[in-house]
Amino acid sequence: MYFVIAGLLIILLNLLGVGPVAEWDWKITGDLWKFCVPFGLAAVWWGWADVSGYNKRREMEKMEAKRQARREQNLEALGMDARARRKKAKATGR
């Protein structure tokens, strides 16, 4: 995502005429490659993230955290959470 933002920023700076980027031209034989590099790097990054399982792993971690939170909430609603068990054990003298 950062590569795409950088690419868009470079294009915006060129169109607004700000800094050294303003002097780059859009000809294929000129500076066009400088505009394309961030987008190419973004494509490589996304390809690597998909192949390596990076995206899937993060998604699974989020799902596991939601499942655990839901389980804890349900146990608490039933009075079966860790705190309720400790209170019950103290009350019975165990």
PDB file of N, CA and C in Angstrom:
ATOM      1  N   MET A   1       0.819  -1.185   0.000  1.00  0.00           N
ATOM      2  CA  MET A   1       0.000   0.000   0.000  1.00  0.00           C
ATOM      3  C   MET A   1       0.868   1.256   0.000  1.00  0.00           C
ATOM      4  N   TYR A   2       1.982   1.181   0.711  1.00  0.00           N
ATOM      5  CA  TYR A   2       2.868   2.347   0.760  1.00  0.00           C
ATOM      6  C   TYR A   2       3.459   2.654  -0.616  1.00  0.00           C
ATOM      7  N   PHE A   3       3.741   1.609  -1.393  1.00  0.00           N
ATOM      8  CA  PHE A   3       4.284   1.825  -2.730  1.00  0.00           C
ATOM      9  C   PHE A   3       3.264   2.528  -3.623  1.00  0.00           C
ATOM     10  N   VAL A   4       2.003   2.151  -3.512  1.00  0.00           N
ATOM     11  CA  VAL A   4       0.954   2.789  -4.317  1.00  0.00           C
ATOM     12  C   VAL A   4       0.811   4.254  -3.914  1.00  0.00           C
ATOM     13  N   ILE A   5       0.838   4.527  -2.624  1.00  0.00           N
ATOM     14  CA  ILE A   5       0.745   5.911  -2.141  1.00  0.00           C
ATOM     15  C   ILE A   5       1.942   6.719  -2.641  1.00  0.00           C
ATOM     16  N   ALA A   6       3.129   6.138  -2.595  1.00  0.00           N
ATOM     17  CA  ALA A   6       4.326   6.835  -3.087  1.00  0.00           C
ATOM     18  C   ALA A   6       4.200   7.120  -4.585  1.00  0.00           C
ATOM     19  N   GLY A   7       3.705   6.153  -5.345  1.00  0.00           N
ATOM     20  CA  GLY A   7       3.524   6.351  -6.786  1.00  0.00           C
ATOM     21  C   GLY A   7       2.528   7.457  -7.083  1.00  0.00           C
ATOM     22  N   LEU A   8       1.422   7.460  -6.350  1.00  0.00           N
ATOM     23  CA  LEU A   8       0.427   8.511  -6.545  1.00  0.00           C
ATOM     24  C   LEU A   8       0.963   9.879  -6.137  1.00  0.00           C
ATOM     25  N   LEU A   9       1.770   9.904  -5.085  1.00  0.00           N
ATOM     26  CA  LEU A   9       2.383  11.158  -4.650  1.00  0.00           C
ATOM     27  C   LEU A   9       3.351  11.693  -5.707  1.00  0.00           C
ATOM     28  N   ILE A  10       4.125  10.808  -6.312  1.00  0.00           N
ATOM     29  CA  ILE A  10       5.044  11.223  -7.373  1.00  0.00           C
ATOM     30  C   ILE A  10       4.280  11.807  -8.552  1.00  0.00           C
ATOM     31  N   ILE A  11       3.203  11.148  -8.943  1.00  0.00           N
ATOM     32  CA  ILE A  11       2.390  11.649 -10.060  1.00  0.00           C
ATOM     33  C   ILE A  11       1.784  12.995  -9.707  1.00  0.00           C
ATOM     34  N   LEU A  12       1.264  13.119  -8.484  1.00  0.00           N
ATOM     35  CA  LEU A  12       0.666  14.383  -8.056  1.00  0.00           C
ATOM     36  C   LEU A  12       1.701  15.512  -8.043  1.00  0.00           C
ATOM     37  N   LEU A  13       2.891  15.243  -7.527  1.00  0.00           N
ATOM     38  CA  LEU A  13       3.947  16.265  -7.518  1.00  0.00           C
ATOM     39  C   LEU A  13       4.322  16.685  -8.938  1.00  0.00           C
ATOM     40  N   ASN A  14       4.349  15.720  -9.850  1.00  0.00           N
ATOM     41  CA  ASN A  14       4.667  16.043 -11.235  1.00  0.00           C
ATOM     42  C   ASN A  14       3.592  16.927 -11.849  1.00  0.00           C
ATOM     43  N   LEU A  15       2.340  16.577 -11.619  1.00  0.00           N
ATOM     44  CA  LEU A  15       1.248  17.357 -12.209  1.00  0.00           C
ATOM     45  C   LEU A  15       1.153  18.754 -11.610  1.00  0.00           C
ATOM     46  N   LEU A  16       1.500  18.876 -10.321  1.00  0.00           N
ATOM     47  CA  LEU A  16       1.465  20.191  -9.675  1.00  0.00           C
ATOM     48  C   LEU A  16       2.725  21.014  -9.935  1.00  0.00           C
ATOM     49  N   GLY A  17       3.761  20.367 -10.460  1.00  0.00           N
ATOM     50  CA  GLY A  17       4.998  21.078 -10.772  1.00  0.00           C
ATOM     51  C   GLY A  17       5.833  21.386  -9.550  1.00  0.00           C
ATOM     52  N   VAL A  18       5.884  20.465  -8.595  1.00  0.00           N
ATOM     53  CA  VAL A  18       6.594  20.682  -7.347  1.00  0.00           C
ATOM     54  C   VAL A  18       7.887  19.869  -7.337  1.00  0.00           C
ATOM     55  N   GLY A  19       8.983  20.517  -6.992  1.00  0.00           N
ATOM     56  CA  GLY A  19      10.261  19.838  -6.809  1.00  0.00           C
ATOM     57  C   GLY A  19      10.883  19.304  -8.089  1.00  0.00           C
ATOM     58  N   PRO A  20      11.877  18.453  -7.936  1.00  0.00           N
ATOM     59  CA  PRO A  20      12.570  17.910  -9.103  1.00  0.00           C
ATOM     60  C   PRO A  20      11.680  16.967  -9.924  1.00  0.00           C
ATOM     61  N   VAL A  21      10.642  16.452  -9.313  1.00  0.00           N
ATOM     62  CA  VAL A  21       9.714  15.568 -10.013  1.00  0.00           C
ATOM     63  C   VAL A  21       8.989  16.321 -11.130  1.00  0.00           C
ATOM     64  N   ALA A  22       8.865  17.627 -10.977  1.00  0.00           N
ATOM     65  CA  ALA A  22       8.171  18.442 -11.970  1.00  0.00           C
ATOM     66  C   ALA A  22       8.877  18.424 -13.322  1.00  0.00           C
ATOM     67  N   GLU A  23      10.162  18.147 -13.341  1.00  0.00           N
ATOM     68  CA  GLU A  23      10.925  18.164 -14.591  1.00  0.00           C
ATOM     69  C   GLU A  23      10.897  16.824 -15.320  1.00  0.00           C
ATOM     70  N   TRP A  24      10.351  15.773 -14.697  1.00  0.00           N
ATOM     71  CA  TRP A  24      10.285  14.464 -15.348  1.00  0.00           C
ATOM     72  C   TRP A  24       9.255  14.500 -16.465  1.00  0.00           C
ATOM     73  N   ASP A  25       9.580  13.839 -17.578  1.00  0.00           N
ATOM     74  CA  ASP A  25       8.620  13.786 -18.678  1.00  0.00           C
ATOM     75  C   ASP A  25       7.971  12.407 -18.747  1.00  0.00           C
ATOM     76  N   TRP A  26       6.902  12.309 -19.541  1.00  0.00           N
ATOM     77  CA  TRP A  26       6.111  11.082 -19.619  1.00  0.00           C
ATOM     78  C   TRP A  26       6.443  10.249 -20.848  1.00  0.00           C
ATOM     79  N   LYS A  27       7.558  10.533 -21.503  1.00  0.00           N
ATOM     80  CA  LYS A  27       7.936   9.784 -22.698  1.00  0.00           C
ATOM     81  C   LYS A  27       8.492   8.413 -22.316  1.00  0.00           C
ATOM     82  N   ILE A  28       8.234   7.444 -23.149  1.00  0.00           N
ATOM     83  CA  ILE A  28       8.714   6.084 -22.890  1.00  0.00           C
ATOM     84  C   ILE A  28      10.236   6.055 -22.841  1.00  0.00           C
ATOM     85  N   THR A  29      10.883   6.830 -23.682  1.00  0.00           N
ATOM     86  CA  THR A  29      12.347   6.861 -23.708  1.00  0.00           C
ATOM     87  C   THR A  29      12.921   7.796 -22.646  1.00  0.00           C
ATOM     88  N   GLY A  30      12.037   8.462 -21.898  1.00  0.00           N
ATOM     89  CA  GLY A  30      12.494   9.426 -20.896  1.00  0.00           C
ATOM     90  C   GLY A  30      12.353   8.908 -19.480  1.00  0.00           C
ATOM     91  N   ASP A  31      11.562   9.610 -18.699  1.00  0.00           N
ATOM     92  CA  ASP A  31      11.450   9.337 -17.267  1.00  0.00           C
ATOM     93  C   ASP A  31      10.209   8.541 -16.885  1.00  0.00           C
ATOM     94  N   LEU A  32       9.535   7.943 -17.821  1.00  0.00           N
ATOM     95  CA  LEU A  32       8.316   7.197 -17.520  1.00  0.00           C
ATOM     96  C   LEU A  32       8.566   6.073 -16.521  1.00  0.00           C
ATOM     97  N   TRP A  33       9.736   5.462 -16.600  1.00  0.00           N
ATOM     98  CA  TRP A  33      10.043   4.346 -15.694  1.00  0.00           C
ATOM     99  C   TRP A  33      10.035   4.791 -14.237  1.00  0.00           C
ATOM    100  N   LYS A  34      10.381   6.047 -13.979  1.00  0.00           N
ATOM    101  CA  LYS A  34      10.397   6.551 -12.608  1.00  0.00           C
ATOM    102  C   LYS A  34       8.992   6.607 -12.010  1.00  0.00           C
ATOM    103  N   PHE A  35       8.008   6.836 -12.862  1.00  0.00           N
ATOM    104  CA  PHE A  35       6.626   6.846 -12.398  1.00  0.00           C
ATOM    105  C   PHE A  35       6.117   5.418 -12.158  1.00  0.00           C
ATOM    106  N   CYS A  36       6.630   4.460 -12.920  1.00  0.00           N
ATOM    107  CA  CYS A  36       6.142   3.077 -12.873  1.00  0.00           C
ATOM    108  C   CYS A  36       6.781   2.232 -11.778  1.00  0.00           C
ATOM    109  N   VAL A  37       7.953   2.600 -11.306  1.00  0.00           N
ATOM    110  CA  VAL A  37       8.680   1.777 -10.327  1.00  0.00           C
ATOM    111  C   VAL A  37       7.868   1.512  -9.056  1.00  0.00           C
ATOM    112  N   PRO A  38       7.255   2.518  -8.417  1.00  0.00           N
ATOM    113  CA  PRO A  38       6.503   2.219  -7.185  1.00  0.00           C
ATOM    114  C   PRO A  38       5.345   1.244  -7.420  1.00  0.00           C
ATOM    115  N   PHE A  39       4.680   1.349  -8.568  1.00  0.00           N
ATOM    116  CA  PHE A  39       3.559   0.456  -8.854  1.00  0.00           C
ATOM    117  C   PHE A  39       4.060  -0.965  -9.137  1.00  0.00           C
ATOM    118  N   GLY A  40       5.205  -1.080  -9.781  1.00  0.00           N
ATOM    119  CA  GLY A  40       5.807  -2.395  -9.995  1.00  0.00           C
ATOM    120  C   GLY A  40       6.214  -3.036  -8.681  1.00  0.00           C
ATOM    121  N   LEU A  41       6.790  -2.242  -7.781  1.00  0.00           N
ATOM    122  CA  LEU A  41       7.172  -2.763  -6.471  1.00  0.00           C
ATOM    123  C   LEU A  41       5.938  -3.189  -5.662  1.00  0.00           C
ATOM    124  N   ALA A  42       4.836  -2.441  -5.800  1.00  0.00           N
ATOM    125  CA  ALA A  42       3.598  -2.821  -5.113  1.00  0.00           C
ATOM    126  C   ALA A  42       3.088  -4.164  -5.629  1.00  0.00           C
ATOM    127  N   ALA A  43       3.166  -4.373  -6.940  1.00  0.00           N
ATOM    128  CA  ALA A  43       2.726  -5.644  -7.520  1.00  0.00           C
ATOM    129  C   ALA A  43       3.602  -6.794  -7.023  1.00  0.00           C
ATOM    130  N   VAL A  44       4.901  -6.562  -6.945  1.00  0.00           N
ATOM    131  CA  VAL A  44       5.814  -7.599  -6.432  1.00  0.00           C
ATOM    132  C   VAL A  44       5.504  -7.894  -4.968  1.00  0.00           C
ATOM    133  N   TRP A  45       5.274  -6.858  -4.182  1.00  0.00           N
ATOM    134  CA  TRP A  45       4.959  -7.040  -2.762  1.00  0.00           C
ATOM    135  C   TRP A  45       3.679  -7.854  -2.583  1.00  0.00           C
ATOM    136  N   TRP A  46       2.623  -7.498  -3.325  1.00  0.00           N
ATOM    137  CA  TRP A  46       1.360  -8.213  -3.190  1.00  0.00           C
ATOM    138  C   TRP A  46       1.495  -9.660  -3.661  1.00  0.00           C
ATOM    139  N   GLY A  47       2.268  -9.865  -4.705  1.00  0.00           N
ATOM    140  CA  GLY A  47       2.511 -11.228  -5.173  1.00  0.00           C
ATOM    141  C   GLY A  47       3.227 -12.050  -4.122  1.00  0.00           C
ATOM    142  N   TRP A  48       4.261 -11.474  -3.507  1.00  0.00           N
ATOM    143  CA  TRP A  48       4.996 -12.185  -2.459  1.00  0.00           C
ATOM    144  C   TRP A  48       4.099 -12.461  -1.255  1.00  0.00           C
ATOM    145  N   ALA A  49       3.298 -11.476  -0.866  1.00  0.00           N
ATOM    146  CA  ALA A  49       2.424 -11.639   0.298  1.00  0.00           C
ATOM    147  C   ALA A  49       1.417 -12.763   0.072  1.00  0.00           C
ATOM    148  N   ASP A  50       0.914 -12.887  -1.136  1.00  0.00           N
ATOM    149  CA  ASP A  50      -0.032 -13.957  -1.436  1.00  0.00           C
ATOM    150  C   ASP A  50       0.644 -15.317  -1.486  1.00  0.00           C
ATOM    151  N   VAL A  51       1.799 -15.388  -2.116  1.00  0.00           N
ATOM    152  CA  VAL A  51       2.506 -16.670  -2.258  1.00  0.00           C
ATOM    153  C   VAL A  51       3.020 -17.172  -0.911  1.00  0.00           C
ATOM    154  N   SER A  52       3.524 -16.283  -0.076  1.00  0.00           N
ATOM    155  CA  SER A  52       4.116 -16.690   1.199  1.00  0.00           C
ATOM    156  C   SER A  52       3.073 -16.987   2.263  1.00  0.00           C
ATOM    157  N   GLY A  53       1.827 -16.611   2.032  1.00  0.00           N
ATOM    158  CA  GLY A  53       0.781 -16.833   3.018  1.00  0.00           C
ATOM    159  C   GLY A  53       0.692 -15.730   4.056  1.00  0.00           C
ATOM    160  N   TYR A  54       1.382 -14.636   3.848  1.00  0.00           N
ATOM    161  CA  TYR A  54       1.395 -13.523   4.803  1.00  0.00           C
ATOM    162  C   TYR A  54      -0.018 -12.987   5.038  1.00  0.00           C
ATOM    163  N   ASN A  55      -0.770 -12.759   3.966  1.00  0.00           N
ATOM    164  CA  ASN A  55      -2.128 -12.230   4.093  1.00  0.00           C
ATOM    165  C   ASN A  55      -3.043 -13.218   4.808  1.00  0.00           C
ATOM    166  N   LYS A  56      -2.959 -14.471   4.435  1.00  0.00           N
ATOM    167  CA  LYS A  56      -3.819 -15.492   5.028  1.00  0.00           C
ATOM    168  C   LYS A  56      -3.522 -15.649   6.514  1.00  0.00           C
ATOM    169  N   ARG A  57      -2.258 -15.606   6.881  1.00  0.00           N
ATOM    170  CA  ARG A  57      -1.865 -15.746   8.278  1.00  0.00           C
ATOM    171  C   ARG A  57      -2.447 -14.606   9.119  1.00  0.00           C
ATOM    172  N   ARG A  58      -2.359 -13.391   8.611  1.00  0.00           N
ATOM    173  CA  ARG A  58      -2.913 -12.241   9.341  1.00  0.00           C
ATOM    174  C   ARG A  58      -4.427 -12.363   9.476  1.00  0.00           C
ATOM    175  N   GLU A  59      -5.078 -12.818   8.414  1.00  0.00           N
ATOM    176  CA  GLU A  59      -6.528 -12.997   8.449  1.00  0.00           C
ATOM    177  C   GLU A  59      -6.917 -14.058   9.489  1.00  0.00           C
ATOM    178  N   MET A  60      -6.157 -15.141   9.534  1.00  0.00           N
ATOM    179  CA  MET A  60      -6.444 -16.207  10.494  1.00  0.00           C
ATOM    180  C   MET A  60      -6.228 -15.727  11.928  1.00  0.00           C
ATOM    181  N   GLU A  61      -5.212 -14.900  12.164  1.00  0.00           N
ATOM    182  CA  GLU A  61      -4.977 -14.352  13.500  1.00  0.00           C
ATOM    183  C   GLU A  61      -6.133 -13.468  13.944  1.00  0.00           C
ATOM    184  N   LYS A  62      -6.659 -12.658  13.033  1.00  0.00           N
ATOM    185  CA  LYS A  62      -7.802 -11.803  13.361  1.00  0.00           C
ATOM    186  C   LYS A  62      -9.037 -12.642  13.683  1.00  0.00           C
ATOM    187  N   MET A  63      -9.268 -13.680  12.884  1.00  0.00           N
ATOM    188  CA  MET A  63     -10.421 -14.544  13.126  1.00  0.00           C
ATOM    189  C   MET A  63     -10.288 -15.268  14.467  1.00  0.00           C
ATOM    190  N   GLU A  64      -9.090 -15.703  14.799  1.00  0.00           N
ATOM    191  CA  GLU A  64      -8.854 -16.398  16.070  1.00  0.00           C
ATOM    192  C   GLU A  64      -9.093 -15.457  17.254  1.00  0.00           C
ATOM    193  N   ALA A  65      -8.654 -14.209  17.125  1.00  0.00           N
ATOM    194  CA  ALA A  65      -8.867 -13.234  18.196  1.00  0.00           C
ATOM    195  C   ALA A  65     -10.362 -12.959  18.384  1.00  0.00           C
ATOM    196  N   LYS A  66     -11.101 -12.834  17.283  1.00  0.00           N
ATOM    197  CA  LYS A  66     -12.549 -12.620  17.383  1.00  0.00           C
ATOM    198  C   LYS A  66     -13.235 -13.818  18.031  1.00  0.00           C
ATOM    199  N   ARG A  67     -12.813 -15.023  17.644  1.00  0.00           N
ATOM    200  CA  ARG A  67     -13.403 -16.238  18.195  1.00  0.00           C
ATOM    201  C   ARG A  67     -13.143 -16.318  19.698  1.00  0.00           C
ATOM    202  N   GLN A  68     -11.930 -15.997  20.115  1.00  0.00           N
ATOM    203  CA  GLN A  68     -11.576 -16.039  21.538  1.00  0.00           C
ATOM    204  C   GLN A  68     -12.372 -14.998  22.326  1.00  0.00           C
ATOM    205  N   ALA A  69     -12.515 -13.804  21.771  1.00  0.00           N
ATOM    206  CA  ALA A  69     -13.281 -12.758  22.455  1.00  0.00           C
ATOM    207  C   ALA A  69     -14.746 -13.166  22.580  1.00  0.00           C
ATOM    208  N   ARG A  70     -15.283 -13.743  21.527  1.00  0.00           N
ATOM    209  CA  ARG A  70     -16.673 -14.200  21.557  1.00  0.00           C
ATOM    210  C   ARG A  70     -16.848 -15.309  22.597  1.00  0.00           C
ATOM    211  N   ARG A  71     -15.901 -16.228  22.669  1.00  0.00           N
ATOM    212  CA  ARG A  71     -15.959 -17.323  23.648  1.00  0.00           C
ATOM    213  C   ARG A  71     -15.915 -16.773  25.074  1.00  0.00           C
ATOM    214  N   GLU A  72     -15.005 -15.840  25.326  1.00  0.00           N
ATOM    215  CA  GLU A  72     -14.904 -15.245  26.661  1.00  0.00           C
ATOM    216  C   GLU A  72     -16.181 -14.503  27.038  1.00  0.00           C
ATOM    217  N   GLN A  73     -16.760 -13.797  26.076  1.00  0.00           N
ATOM    218  CA  GLN A  73     -17.997 -13.063  26.328  1.00  0.00           C
ATOM    219  C   GLN A  73     -19.131 -14.034  26.662  1.00  0.00           C
ATOM    220  N   ASN A  74     -19.212 -15.120  25.916  1.00  0.00           N
ATOM    221  CA  ASN A  74     -20.260 -16.105  26.182  1.00  0.00           C
ATOM    222  C   ASN A  74     -20.072 -16.771  27.540  1.00  0.00           C
ATOM    223  N   LEU A  75     -18.843 -17.126  27.902  1.00  0.00           N
ATOM    224  CA  LEU A  75     -18.585 -17.730  29.208  1.00  0.00           C
ATOM    225  C   LEU A  75     -18.919 -16.769  30.337  1.00  0.00           C
ATOM    226  N   GLU A  76     -18.598 -15.496  30.140  1.00  0.00           N
ATOM    227  CA  GLU A  76     -18.907 -14.497  31.156  1.00  0.00           C
ATOM    228  C   GLU A  76     -20.415 -14.347  31.315  1.00  0.00           C
ATOM    229  N   ALA A  77     -21.138 -14.364  30.202  1.00  0.00           N
ATOM    230  CA  ALA A  77     -22.594 -14.246  30.261  1.00  0.00           C
ATOM    231  C   ALA A  77     -23.221 -15.440  30.976  1.00  0.00           C
ATOM    232  N   LEU A  78     -22.611 -16.590  30.867  1.00  0.00           N
ATOM    233  CA  LEU A  78     -23.112 -17.790  31.535  1.00  0.00           C
ATOM    234  C   LEU A  78     -22.621 -17.906  32.978  1.00  0.00           C
ATOM    235  N   GLY A  79     -21.709 -17.023  33.371  1.00  0.00           N
ATOM    236  CA  GLY A  79     -21.149 -17.071  34.715  1.00  0.00           C
ATOM    237  C   GLY A  79     -20.092 -18.150  34.871  1.00  0.00           C
ATOM    238  N   MET A  80     -19.464 -18.514  33.764  1.00  0.00           N
ATOM    239  CA  MET A  80     -18.471 -19.587  33.786  1.00  0.00           C
ATOM    240  C   MET A  80     -17.062 -19.088  33.492  1.00  0.00           C
ATOM    241  N   ASP A  81     -16.853 -17.787  33.527  1.00  0.00           N
ATOM    242  CA  ASP A  81     -15.526 -17.258  33.234  1.00  0.00           C
ATOM    243  C   ASP A  81     -14.591 -17.500  34.413  1.00  0.00           C
ATOM    244  N   ALA A  82     -13.339 -17.191  34.257  1.00  0.00           N
ATOM    245  CA  ALA A  82     -12.321 -17.471  35.276  1.00  0.00           C
ATOM    246  C   ALA A  82     -12.625 -16.754  36.582  1.00  0.00           C
ATOM    247  N   ARG A  83     -13.096 -15.525  36.505  1.00  0.00           N
ATOM    248  CA  ARG A  83     -13.396 -14.782  37.730  1.00  0.00           C
ATOM    249  C   ARG A  83     -14.545 -15.430  38.499  1.00  0.00           C
ATOM    250  N   ALA A  84     -15.556 -15.874  37.790  1.00  0.00           N
ATOM    251  CA  ALA A  84     -16.698 -16.514  38.455  1.00  0.00           C
ATOM    252  C   ALA A  84     -16.272 -17.821  39.118  1.00  0.00           C
ATOM    253  N   ARG A  85     -15.386 -18.557  38.472  1.00  0.00           N
ATOM    254  CA  ARG A  85     -14.907 -19.809  39.054  1.00  0.00           C
ATOM    255  C   ARG A  85     -14.097 -19.547  40.325  1.00  0.00           C
ATOM    256  N   ARG A  86     -13.286 -18.487  40.315  1.00  0.00           N
ATOM    257  CA  ARG A  86     -12.498 -18.151  41.506  1.00  0.00           C
ATOM    258  C   ARG A  86     -13.422 -17.750  42.665  1.00  0.00           C
ATOM    259  N   LYS A  87     -14.459 -16.958  42.364  1.00  0.00           N
ATOM    260  CA  LYS A  87     -15.400 -16.539  43.407  1.00  0.00           C
ATOM    261  C   LYS A  87     -16.124 -17.746  43.990  1.00  0.00           C
ATOM    262  N   LYS A  88     -16.505 -18.656  43.114  1.00  0.00           N
ATOM    263  CA  LYS A  88     -17.215 -19.846  43.560  1.00  0.00           C
ATOM    264  C   LYS A  88     -16.305 -20.707  44.442  1.00  0.00           C
ATOM    265  N   ALA A  89     -15.037 -20.831  44.044  1.00  0.00           N
ATOM    266  CA  ALA A  89     -14.087 -21.628  44.822  1.00  0.00           C
ATOM    267  C   ALA A  89     -13.852 -21.000  46.202  1.00  0.00           C
ATOM    268  N   LYS A  90     -13.783 -19.680  46.279  1.00  0.00           N
ATOM    269  CA  LYS A  90     -13.599 -19.004  47.564  1.00  0.00           C
ATOM    270  C   LYS A  90     -14.824 -19.178  48.447  1.00  0.00           C
ATOM    271  N   ALA A  91     -15.983 -19.132  47.826  1.00  0.00           N
ATOM    272  CA  ALA A  91     -17.220 -19.242  48.608  1.00  0.00           C
ATOM    273  C   ALA A  91     -17.388 -20.643  49.202  1.00  0.00           C
ATOM    274  N   THR A  92     -16.974 -21.650  48.474  1.00  0.00           N
ATOM    275  CA  THR A  92     -17.116 -23.029  48.970  1.00  0.00           C
ATOM    276  C   THR A  92     -15.936 -23.449  49.830  1.00  0.00           C
ATOM    277  N   GLY A  93     -14.876 -22.675  49.853  1.00  0.00           N
ATOM    278  CA  GLY A  93     -13.723 -22.969  50.683  1.00  0.00           C
ATOM    279  C   GLY A  93     -12.712 -23.928  50.047  1.00  0.00           C
ATOM    280  N   ARG A  94     -12.698 -24.061  48.774  1.00  0.00           N
ATOM    281  CA  ARG A  94     -11.763 -24.964  48.093  1.00  0.00           C
ATOM    282  C   ARG A  94     -10.449 -24.329  47.886  1.00  0.00           C
TER     283      ARG A  94
END
